[in-house]
Amino acid sequence: MRRCAVSIPSNIAEGCGRNTNKGKMAFFYISRGSLFELETQLYIALNQNFIDENIFNEVVENLQTSKKLLNGFINYFKKLDDGK
Protein backbone atom coordinates (compact mmCIF):
# COMPACT_ATOMS: atom_id res chain seq x y z
CA MET A 1 0.00 0.00 0.00
CA ARG A 2 2.87 2.34 0.73
CA ARG A 3 4.41 1.65 -2.66
CA CYS A 4 1.14 2.53 -4.38
CA ALA A 5 0.74 5.68 -2.32
CA VAL A 6 4.26 6.82 -3.22
CA SER A 7 3.89 5.78 -6.86
CA ILE A 8 0.87 8.01 -7.46
CA PRO A 9 2.46 11.46 -7.00
CA SER A 10 5.85 10.21 -8.20
CA ASN A 11 4.45 9.26 -11.60
CA ILE A 12 2.53 12.53 -11.87
CA ALA A 13 5.76 14.40 -11.18
CA GLU A 14 7.71 12.33 -13.68
CA GLY A 15 5.01 12.87 -16.29
CA CYS A 16 5.11 16.61 -15.76
CA GLY A 17 8.82 16.48 -16.51
CA ARG A 18 8.25 14.97 -19.97
CA ASN A 19 8.48 17.16 -23.05
CA THR A 20 5.49 15.78 -24.93
CA ASN A 21 1.86 15.29 -23.98
CA LYS A 22 2.16 11.65 -25.05
CA GLY A 23 5.03 11.22 -22.60
CA LYS A 24 3.09 12.97 -19.86
CA MET A 25 -0.02 10.88 -20.46
CA ALA A 26 1.85 7.59 -20.13
CA PHE A 27 2.90 8.48 -16.59
CA PHE A 28 -0.51 9.91 -15.69
CA TYR A 29 -2.10 6.59 -16.68
CA ILE A 30 0.44 4.69 -14.57
CA SER A 31 -0.45 6.97 -11.68
CA ARG A 32 -4.15 6.29 -12.19
CA GLY A 33 -3.44 2.56 -12.21
CA SER A 34 -1.69 2.93 -8.87
CA LEU A 35 -4.75 4.73 -7.48
CA PHE A 36 -6.95 1.80 -8.48
CA GLU A 37 -4.42 -0.67 -7.09
CA LEU A 38 -4.41 1.16 -3.75
CA GLU A 39 -8.20 1.17 -3.69
CA THR A 40 -8.28 -2.59 -4.26
CA GLN A 41 -5.77 -3.15 -1.48
CA LEU A 42 -7.90 -1.05 0.87
CA TYR A 43 -10.94 -3.22 0.15
CA ILE A 44 -8.88 -6.32 0.83
CA ALA A 45 -7.57 -4.80 4.07
CA LEU A 46 -11.13 -4.02 5.16
CA ASN A 47 -12.37 -7.50 4.27
CA GLN A 48 -9.50 -9.05 6.24
CA ASN A 49 -10.23 -6.73 9.20
CA PHE A 50 -6.79 -5.12 8.97
CA ILE A 51 -8.32 -1.63 9.08
CA ASP A 52 -11.27 -0.04 10.78
CA GLU A 53 -14.29 0.81 8.62
CA ASN A 54 -14.16 4.50 9.59
CA ILE A 55 -10.55 4.77 8.44
CA PHE A 56 -11.42 2.85 5.29
CA ASN A 57 -14.26 5.25 4.47
CA GLU A 58 -12.07 8.30 5.03
CA VAL A 59 -9.25 6.98 2.85
CA VAL A 60 -11.61 5.83 0.08
CA GLU A 61 -13.23 9.26 0.05
CA ASN A 62 -9.79 10.82 -0.43
CA LEU A 63 -9.04 8.30 -3.19
CA GLN A 64 -12.25 9.24 -5.00
CA THR A 65 -11.25 12.90 -4.86
CA SER A 66 -7.79 12.03 -6.13
CA LYS A 67 -9.27 10.03 -9.01
CA LYS A 68 -11.45 12.96 -10.05
CA LEU A 69 -8.51 15.37 -9.93
CA LEU A 70 -6.23 13.06 -11.88
CA ASN A 71 -8.91 12.32 -14.47
CA GLY A 72 -9.39 16.07 -14.90
CA PHE A 73 -5.66 16.44 -15.40
CA ILE A 74 -5.65 13.61 -17.98
CA ASN A 75 -8.64 15.10 -19.81
CA TYR A 76 -6.93 18.50 -19.93
CA PHE A 77 -3.88 17.02 -21.67
CA LYS A 78 -6.09 14.93 -23.97
CA LYS A 79 -7.81 18.13 -25.12
CA LEU A 80 -4.43 19.70 -25.81
CA ASP A 81 -3.54 16.73 -28.01
CA ASP A 82 -6.93 16.82 -29.75
CA GLY A 83 -6.44 20.50 -30.52
CA LYS A 84 -3.32 19.87 -32.61
C-alpha atoms as a PDB file:
ATOM      1  CA  MET A   1       0.000   0.000   0.000  1.00  0.00           C
ATOM      2  CA  ARG A   2       2.875   2.340   0.734  1.00  0.00           C
ATOM      3  CA  ARG A   3       4.408   1.648  -2.662  1.00  0.00           C
ATOM      4  CA  CYS A   4       1.135   2.535  -4.381  1.00  0.00           C
ATOM      5  CA  ALA A   5       0.738   5.680  -2.319  1.00  0.00           C
ATOM      6  CA  VAL A   6       4.259   6.820  -3.216  1.00  0.00           C
ATOM      7  CA  SER A   7       3.889   5.782  -6.857  1.00  0.00           C
ATOM      8  CA  ILE A   8       0.867   8.007  -7.462  1.00  0.00           C
ATOM      9  CA  PRO A   9       2.462  11.464  -7.000  1.00  0.00           C
ATOM     10  CA  SER A  10       5.851  10.206  -8.204  1.00  0.00           C
ATOM     11  CA  ASN A  11       4.450   9.258 -11.603  1.00  0.00           C
ATOM     12  CA  ILE A  12       2.529  12.527 -11.867  1.00  0.00           C
ATOM     13  CA  ALA A  13       5.758  14.402 -11.180  1.00  0.00           C
ATOM     14  CA  GLU A  14       7.707  12.333 -13.682  1.00  0.00           C
ATOM     15  CA  GLY A  15       5.006  12.869 -16.293  1.00  0.00           C
ATOM     16  CA  CYS A  16       5.115  16.613 -15.759  1.00  0.00           C
ATOM     17  CA  GLY A  17       8.819  16.483 -16.512  1.00  0.00           C
ATOM     18  CA  ARG A  18       8.252  14.973 -19.966  1.00  0.00           C
ATOM     19  CA  ASN A  19       8.475  17.165 -23.049  1.00  0.00           C
ATOM     20  CA  THR A  20       5.489  15.777 -24.928  1.00  0.00           C
ATOM     21  CA  ASN A  21       1.862  15.291 -23.984  1.00  0.00           C
ATOM     22  CA  LYS A  22       2.156  11.648 -25.048  1.00  0.00           C
ATOM     23  CA  GLY A  23       5.035  11.216 -22.596  1.00  0.00           C
ATOM     24  CA  LYS A  24       3.087  12.973 -19.862  1.00  0.00           C
ATOM     25  CA  MET A  25      -0.024  10.879 -20.459  1.00  0.00           C
ATOM     26  CA  ALA A  26       1.848   7.587 -20.134  1.00  0.00           C
ATOM     27  CA  PHE A  27       2.904   8.484 -16.594  1.00  0.00           C
ATOM     28  CA  PHE A  28      -0.514   9.907 -15.687  1.00  0.00           C
ATOM     29  CA  TYR A  29      -2.097   6.595 -16.676  1.00  0.00           C
ATOM     30  CA  ILE A  30       0.438   4.692 -14.571  1.00  0.00           C
ATOM     31  CA  SER A  31      -0.451   6.968 -11.675  1.00  0.00           C
ATOM     32  CA  ARG A  32      -4.153   6.285 -12.189  1.00  0.00           C
ATOM     33  CA  GLY A  33      -3.441   2.557 -12.205  1.00  0.00           C
ATOM     34  CA  SER A  34      -1.686   2.932  -8.867  1.00  0.00           C
ATOM     35  CA  LEU A  35      -4.754   4.730  -7.484  1.00  0.00           C
ATOM     36  CA  PHE A  36      -6.949   1.796  -8.481  1.00  0.00           C
ATOM     37  CA  GLU A  37      -4.420  -0.669  -7.089  1.00  0.00           C
ATOM     38  CA  LEU A  38      -4.408   1.162  -3.751  1.00  0.00           C
ATOM     39  CA  GLU A  39      -8.204   1.169  -3.688  1.00  0.00           C
ATOM     40  CA  THR A  40      -8.278  -2.589  -4.256  1.00  0.00           C
ATOM     41  CA  GLN A  41      -5.774  -3.153  -1.479  1.00  0.00           C
ATOM     42  CA  LEU A  42      -7.895  -1.047   0.866  1.00  0.00           C
ATOM     43  CA  TYR A  43     -10.940  -3.216   0.148  1.00  0.00           C
ATOM     44  CA  ILE A  44      -8.880  -6.321   0.831  1.00  0.00           C
ATOM     45  CA  ALA A  45      -7.569  -4.804   4.072  1.00  0.00           C
ATOM     46  CA  LEU A  46     -11.133  -4.017   5.163  1.00  0.00           C
ATOM     47  CA  ASN A  47     -12.372  -7.502   4.269  1.00  0.00           C
ATOM     48  CA  GLN A  48      -9.505  -9.052   6.236  1.00  0.00           C
ATOM     49  CA  ASN A  49     -10.231  -6.733   9.202  1.00  0.00           C
ATOM     50  CA  PHE A  50      -6.794  -5.125   8.966  1.00  0.00           C
ATOM     51  CA  ILE A  51      -8.317  -1.634   9.076  1.00  0.00           C
ATOM     52  CA  ASP A  52     -11.273  -0.038  10.781  1.00  0.00           C
ATOM     53  CA  GLU A  53     -14.292   0.806   8.623  1.00  0.00           C
ATOM     54  CA  ASN A  54     -14.161   4.498   9.592  1.00  0.00           C
ATOM     55  CA  ILE A  55     -10.547   4.767   8.443  1.00  0.00           C
ATOM     56  CA  PHE A  56     -11.417   2.848   5.287  1.00  0.00           C
ATOM     57  CA  ASN A  57     -14.264   5.254   4.474  1.00  0.00           C
ATOM     58  CA  GLU A  58     -12.074   8.296   5.026  1.00  0.00           C
ATOM     59  CA  VAL A  59      -9.250   6.983   2.845  1.00  0.00           C
ATOM     60  CA  VAL A  60     -11.606   5.826   0.077  1.00  0.00           C
ATOM     61  CA  GLU A  61     -13.232   9.263   0.048  1.00  0.00           C
ATOM     62  CA  ASN A  62      -9.792  10.824  -0.425  1.00  0.00           C
ATOM     63  CA  LEU A  63      -9.043   8.304  -3.186  1.00  0.00           C
ATOM     64  CA  GLN A  64     -12.245   9.239  -5.004  1.00  0.00           C
ATOM     65  CA  THR A  65     -11.255  12.900  -4.860  1.00  0.00           C
ATOM     66  CA  SER A  66      -7.786  12.027  -6.135  1.00  0.00           C
ATOM     67  CA  LYS A  67      -9.270  10.028  -9.010  1.00  0.00           C
ATOM     68  CA  LYS A  68     -11.445  12.964 -10.047  1.00  0.00           C
ATOM     69  CA  LEU A  69      -8.510  15.371  -9.929  1.00  0.00           C
ATOM     70  CA  LEU A  70      -6.226  13.059 -11.875  1.00  0.00           C
ATOM     71  CA  ASN A  71      -8.912  12.324 -14.468  1.00  0.00           C
ATOM     72  CA  GLY A  72      -9.392  16.071 -14.902  1.00  0.00           C
ATOM     73  CA  PHE A  73      -5.656  16.442 -15.401  1.00  0.00           C
ATOM     74  CA  ILE A  74      -5.654  13.614 -17.976  1.00  0.00           C
ATOM     75  CA  ASN A  75      -8.640  15.103 -19.807  1.00  0.00           C
ATOM     76  CA  TYR A  76      -6.932  18.496 -19.931  1.00  0.00           C
ATOM     77  CA  PHE A  77      -3.882  17.025 -21.669  1.00  0.00           C
ATOM     78  CA  LYS A  78      -6.091  14.935 -23.966  1.00  0.00           C
ATOM     79  CA  LYS A  79      -7.805  18.128 -25.122  1.00  0.00           C
ATOM     80  CA  LEU A  80      -4.432  19.701 -25.811  1.00  0.00           C
ATOM     81  CA  ASP A  81      -3.540  16.731 -28.011  1.00  0.00           C
ATOM     82  CA  ASP A  82      -6.930  16.823 -29.753  1.00  0.00           C
ATOM     83  CA  GLY A  83      -6.445  20.504 -30.524  1.00  0.00           C
ATOM     84  CA  LYS A  84      -3.316  19.866 -32.615  1.00  0.00           C
END
